[in-house]
Amino acid sequence: MTSADHRPPAGRAVWLAAVALLVLAGFIVPYGILGGSGAPGLTLALFWLIFGLAVVVVIALGVARWRD
């Protein structure tokens, strides 16, 4: 094996940044921005729906190029 075989995949930094932004959004948006609006409503439910879909997409993109 050469040193080229041990290079991290291209785009890893972008993927890690997207994961970090999702983690931050998972705390800041529902508990900060939307949390002070009183009773939970449709806005909060829509946030969690979109957040969940974004997590699925980011994970799918992250594992799409995995190889044995």
C-alpha atoms as a PDB file:
ATOM      1  CA  MET A   1       0.000   0.000   0.000  1.00  0.00           C
ATOM      2  CA  THR A   2       1.143   3.476  -0.778  1.00  0.00           C
ATOM      3  CA  SER A   3       0.536   6.635   1.177  1.00  0.00           C
ATOM      4  CA  ALA A   4      -2.081   7.584  -1.430  1.00  0.00           C
ATOM      5  CA  ASP A   5      -4.244   4.708  -0.163  1.00  0.00           C
ATOM      6  CA  HIS A   6      -4.510   6.345   3.265  1.00  0.00           C
ATOM      7  CA  ARG A   7      -5.708   9.766   2.149  1.00  0.00           C
ATOM      8  CA  PRO A   8      -9.002  10.935   3.601  1.00  0.00           C
ATOM      9  CA  PRO A   9     -11.770  11.099   1.004  1.00  0.00           C
ATOM     10  CA  ALA A  10     -12.267  14.408  -0.749  1.00  0.00           C
ATOM     11  CA  GLY A  11     -15.056  16.416   0.775  1.00  0.00           C
ATOM     12  CA  ARG A  12     -14.670  15.044   4.295  1.00  0.00           C
ATOM     13  CA  ALA A  13     -14.185  18.522   5.759  1.00  0.00           C
ATOM     14  CA  VAL A  14     -17.348  19.769   4.057  1.00  0.00           C
ATOM     15  CA  TRP A  15     -19.291  16.767   5.345  1.00  0.00           C
ATOM     16  CA  LEU A  16     -17.987  17.251   8.891  1.00  0.00           C
ATOM     17  CA  ALA A  17     -18.909  20.939   8.734  1.00  0.00           C
ATOM     18  CA  ALA A  18     -22.443  20.010   7.630  1.00  0.00           C
ATOM     19  CA  VAL A  19     -22.726  17.566  10.540  1.00  0.00           C
ATOM     20  CA  ALA A  20     -21.482  20.237  12.961  1.00  0.00           C
ATOM     21  CA  LEU A  21     -24.016  22.759  11.632  1.00  0.00           C
ATOM     22  CA  LEU A  22     -26.823  20.224  11.998  1.00  0.00           C
ATOM     23  CA  VAL A  23     -25.822  19.507  15.590  1.00  0.00           C
ATOM     24  CA  LEU A  24     -25.774  23.217  16.391  1.00  0.00           C
ATOM     25  CA  ALA A  25     -29.102  23.766  14.641  1.00  0.00           C
ATOM     26  CA  GLY A  26     -30.567  20.878  16.643  1.00  0.00           C
ATOM     27  CA  PHE A  27     -29.897  22.861  19.830  1.00  0.00           C
ATOM     28  CA  ILE A  28     -30.161  26.502  18.808  1.00  0.00           C
ATOM     29  CA  VAL A  29     -33.315  26.480  16.704  1.00  0.00           C
ATOM     30  CA  PRO A  30     -35.787  24.496  18.832  1.00  0.00           C
ATOM     31  CA  TYR A  31     -34.551  25.595  22.256  1.00  0.00           C
ATOM     32  CA  GLY A  32     -33.484  29.134  21.392  1.00  0.00           C
ATOM     33  CA  ILE A  33     -35.265  30.604  18.409  1.00  0.00           C
ATOM     34  CA  LEU A  34     -38.505  28.596  18.533  1.00  0.00           C
ATOM     35  CA  GLY A  35     -38.419  27.725  22.237  1.00  0.00           C
ATOM     36  CA  GLY A  36     -39.596  31.081  23.549  1.00  0.00           C
ATOM     37  CA  SER A  37     -42.826  31.050  21.597  1.00  0.00           C
ATOM     38  CA  GLY A  38     -44.882  29.341  24.323  1.00  0.00           C
ATOM     39  CA  ALA A  39     -46.662  26.084  23.588  1.00  0.00           C
ATOM     40  CA  PRO A  40     -45.093  23.817  20.955  1.00  0.00           C
ATOM     41  CA  GLY A  41     -46.822  24.195  17.658  1.00  0.00           C
ATOM     42  CA  LEU A  42     -46.655  23.292  14.026  1.00  0.00           C
ATOM     43  CA  THR A  43     -43.516  25.363  13.494  1.00  0.00           C
ATOM     44  CA  LEU A  44     -41.557  23.241  15.932  1.00  0.00           C
ATOM     45  CA  ALA A  45     -42.914  20.020  14.420  1.00  0.00           C
ATOM     46  CA  LEU A  46     -41.932  21.201  10.932  1.00  0.00           C
ATOM     47  CA  PHE A  47     -38.443  22.048  12.177  1.00  0.00           C
ATOM     48  CA  TRP A  48     -37.970  18.524  13.539  1.00  0.00           C
ATOM     49  CA  LEU A  49     -39.302  17.034  10.306  1.00  0.00           C
ATOM     50  CA  ILE A  50     -36.889  19.051   8.170  1.00  0.00           C
ATOM     51  CA  PHE A  51     -34.062  18.430  10.649  1.00  0.00           C
ATOM     52  CA  GLY A  52     -34.644  14.669  10.501  1.00  0.00           C
ATOM     53  CA  LEU A  53     -34.682  14.662   6.707  1.00  0.00           C
ATOM     54  CA  ALA A  54     -31.476  16.718   6.630  1.00  0.00           C
ATOM     55  CA  VAL A  55     -29.784  14.228   8.974  1.00  0.00           C
ATOM     56  CA  VAL A  56     -30.800  11.326   6.721  1.00  0.00           C
ATOM     57  CA  VAL A  57     -29.449  13.128   3.635  1.00  0.00           C
ATOM     58  CA  VAL A  58     -26.143  14.045   5.310  1.00  0.00           C
ATOM     59  CA  ILE A  59     -25.620  10.479   6.551  1.00  0.00           C
ATOM     60  CA  ALA A  60     -26.467   9.070   3.112  1.00  0.00           C
ATOM     61  CA  LEU A  61     -23.962  11.409   1.484  1.00  0.00           C
ATOM     62  CA  GLY A  62     -21.349  10.504   4.080  1.00  0.00           C
ATOM     63  CA  VAL A  63     -21.597   6.757   3.554  1.00  0.00           C
ATOM     64  CA  ALA A  64     -22.237   6.778  -0.197  1.00  0.00           C
ATOM     65  CA  ARG A  65     -18.557   6.311  -1.033  1.00  0.00           C
ATOM     66  CA  TRP A  66     -17.624   3.820   1.679  1.00  0.00           C
ATOM     67  CA  ARG A  67     -15.739   0.769   0.488  1.00  0.00           C
ATOM     68  CA  ASP A  68     -14.492  -2.398   2.181  1.00  0.00           C
END
